[in-house]
Amino acid sequence: MRALGLDLGSKRIGVAVSDSDGRVATPIEVVHRTGDRPGEHRTLAGLAEEWEVEVVVVGIPYSLDGSVGPMAEAMAAEATLLAQVLGERPGVPVETYDERLTTVTAERALREQDLRTPQRRKVVDMVAAAVMLQAWLDARREALG
């Protein structure tokens, strides 16, 4: 099962995709925010179609204590809007997943690869999306046994 993972940010959206077996997540691109939310959602729906995904997973940035803050509420609301756009095409469900610390994990991994700050900024969002999607894939595989 191929999945698309999204790390929704205020300036950029990190995008990752899994392999067709749903085992490994790979960062694929960063979609820059333009202020045209419906257009951004159409772009993401186009990526879902291009990659022939069966599910889209949106990371929700819960607080460290697990509570839902303003950013988590905003991302959950955007996931709902995105689900409506994806619903216009043959049923690609949108699921949400806890993305706490994914950007921190991505930043650390990129620093370990000696990427300079400007280079890291260009890719950190899609790497964070891959970290989140990989965690979702692993949890799903564990739950299915």
Protein backbone atom coordinates (compact mmCIF):
# COMPACT_ATOMS: atom_id res chain seq x y z
CA MET A 1 0.00 0.00 0.00
CA ARG A 2 1.54 3.28 -1.13
CA ALA A 3 1.06 6.27 1.19
CA LEU A 4 1.79 9.97 0.84
CA GLY A 5 3.05 11.77 3.95
CA LEU A 6 2.64 15.51 4.48
CA ASP A 7 4.38 17.82 6.93
CA LEU A 8 2.20 20.93 6.74
CA GLY A 9 4.07 24.07 7.67
CA SER A 10 3.20 27.73 7.45
CA LYS A 11 5.73 28.39 4.65
CA ARG A 12 6.36 24.94 3.17
CA ILE A 13 4.75 21.52 2.91
CA GLY A 14 7.11 18.58 3.09
CA VAL A 15 6.06 15.61 0.99
CA ALA A 16 7.19 12.00 1.27
CA VAL A 17 5.95 8.79 -0.31
CA SER A 18 6.23 5.15 0.64
CA ASP A 19 7.18 2.28 -1.61
CA SER A 20 4.31 0.21 -3.00
CA ASP A 21 4.66 -2.33 -0.17
CA GLY A 22 4.25 0.38 2.48
CA ARG A 23 7.58 -0.39 4.12
CA VAL A 24 9.93 2.54 3.40
CA ALA A 25 9.22 6.28 3.30
CA THR A 26 11.23 8.52 0.96
CA PRO A 27 11.25 12.33 0.86
CA ILE A 28 10.18 13.56 -2.57
CA GLU A 29 9.61 17.31 -2.59
CA VAL A 30 8.71 20.55 -0.87
CA VAL A 31 5.61 22.49 -1.92
CA HIS A 32 5.97 26.17 -1.12
CA ARG A 33 3.00 27.96 0.39
CA THR A 34 1.58 30.58 -1.94
CA GLY A 35 -1.39 31.81 0.07
CA ASP A 36 -3.73 29.96 -2.30
CA ARG A 37 -4.82 27.11 -0.03
CA PRO A 38 -7.22 25.50 -2.58
CA GLY A 39 -4.42 25.62 -5.20
CA GLU A 40 -1.98 24.04 -2.75
CA HIS A 41 -4.49 21.29 -2.02
CA ARG A 42 -4.97 20.67 -5.74
CA THR A 43 -1.18 20.36 -6.07
CA LEU A 44 -1.13 17.82 -3.24
CA ALA A 45 -4.07 15.93 -4.77
CA GLY A 46 -2.14 15.86 -8.05
CA LEU A 47 0.85 14.32 -6.24
CA ALA A 48 -1.45 11.73 -4.66
CA GLU A 49 -2.74 10.86 -8.11
CA GLU A 50 0.72 10.88 -9.72
CA TRP A 51 2.11 8.50 -7.09
CA GLU A 52 -1.08 6.40 -7.09
CA VAL A 53 -1.35 6.49 -3.32
CA GLU A 54 -4.05 4.73 -1.35
CA VAL A 55 -3.86 6.98 1.71
CA VAL A 56 -2.55 10.42 2.63
CA VAL A 57 -1.07 10.85 6.11
CA VAL A 58 -0.94 14.36 7.56
CA GLY A 59 1.34 15.03 10.50
CA ILE A 60 -0.27 16.81 13.44
CA PRO A 61 2.12 18.72 15.74
CA TYR A 62 0.74 17.83 19.16
CA SER A 63 2.34 19.50 22.17
CA LEU A 64 5.01 17.52 23.99
CA ASP A 65 2.47 16.64 26.69
CA GLY A 66 0.11 15.27 24.03
CA SER A 67 -2.35 18.14 24.16
CA VAL A 68 -3.80 19.85 21.11
CA GLY A 69 -2.49 23.38 20.69
CA PRO A 70 -3.41 26.04 18.13
CA MET A 71 -1.01 24.68 15.48
CA ALA A 72 -2.34 21.13 15.88
CA GLU A 73 -5.91 22.44 15.56
CA ALA A 74 -4.98 24.36 12.39
CA MET A 75 -3.28 21.31 10.83
CA ALA A 76 -6.23 19.04 11.71
CA ALA A 77 -8.60 21.56 10.11
CA GLU A 78 -6.41 21.69 7.00
CA ALA A 79 -6.34 17.88 6.87
CA THR A 80 -10.15 17.95 6.81
CA LEU A 81 -10.14 20.44 3.92
CA LEU A 82 -7.58 18.36 2.06
CA ALA A 83 -9.75 15.26 2.56
CA GLN A 84 -12.59 17.08 0.82
CA VAL A 85 -10.38 17.82 -2.20
CA LEU A 86 -9.09 14.24 -2.29
CA GLY A 87 -12.66 12.98 -1.91
CA GLU A 88 -13.42 14.48 -5.31
CA ARG A 89 -11.22 11.75 -6.74
CA PRO A 90 -11.82 8.05 -6.14
CA GLY A 91 -11.59 7.63 -2.35
CA VAL A 92 -8.14 8.49 -1.08
CA PRO A 93 -8.62 8.75 2.69
CA VAL A 94 -6.70 11.24 4.80
CA GLU A 95 -5.37 10.08 8.16
CA THR A 96 -3.58 12.13 10.77
CA TYR A 97 -0.55 11.05 12.77
CA ASP A 98 1.44 12.49 15.65
CA GLU A 99 4.46 14.28 14.22
CA ARG A 100 6.01 15.51 17.47
CA LEU A 101 9.76 16.02 17.11
CA THR A 102 9.94 14.94 13.44
CA THR A 103 11.51 18.23 12.38
CA VAL A 104 14.03 17.95 15.23
CA THR A 105 14.87 14.39 14.12
CA ALA A 106 15.17 15.51 10.49
CA GLU A 107 17.39 18.48 11.41
CA ARG A 108 19.66 16.22 13.47
CA ALA A 109 19.99 13.68 10.64
CA LEU A 110 20.80 16.42 8.12
CA ARG A 111 23.38 18.00 10.44
CA GLU A 112 25.02 14.58 10.81
CA GLN A 113 25.36 14.56 7.02
CA ASP A 114 27.21 17.88 7.26
CA LEU A 115 24.59 19.81 5.29
CA ARG A 116 24.99 23.54 5.77
CA THR A 117 22.06 25.54 7.10
CA PRO A 118 20.85 26.90 3.70
CA GLN A 119 20.91 23.38 2.22
CA ARG A 120 19.11 21.94 5.28
CA ARG A 121 16.32 24.54 5.01
CA LYS A 122 15.59 23.40 1.46
CA VAL A 123 15.06 19.75 2.41
CA VAL A 124 14.20 19.57 6.12
CA ASP A 125 10.42 19.68 5.52
CA MET A 126 10.39 16.72 3.15
CA VAL A 127 12.77 14.78 5.41
CA ALA A 128 10.43 15.53 8.36
CA ALA A 129 7.52 14.24 6.24
CA ALA A 130 9.49 11.04 5.59
CA VAL A 131 10.29 10.62 9.32
CA MET A 132 6.59 11.02 10.17
CA LEU A 133 5.44 8.72 7.36
CA GLN A 134 7.98 6.06 8.34
CA ALA A 135 6.70 6.15 11.94
CA TRP A 136 3.12 5.76 10.64
CA LEU A 137 4.13 2.85 8.40
CA ASP A 138 5.97 1.13 11.26
CA ALA A 139 3.03 1.60 13.68
CA ARG A 140 0.59 0.32 11.06
CA ARG A 141 2.71 -2.74 10.33
CA GLU A 142 3.01 -3.45 14.07
CA ALA A 143 -0.75 -3.09 14.58
CA LEU A 144 -1.48 -5.47 11.70
CA GLY A 145 0.94 -8.01 13.16
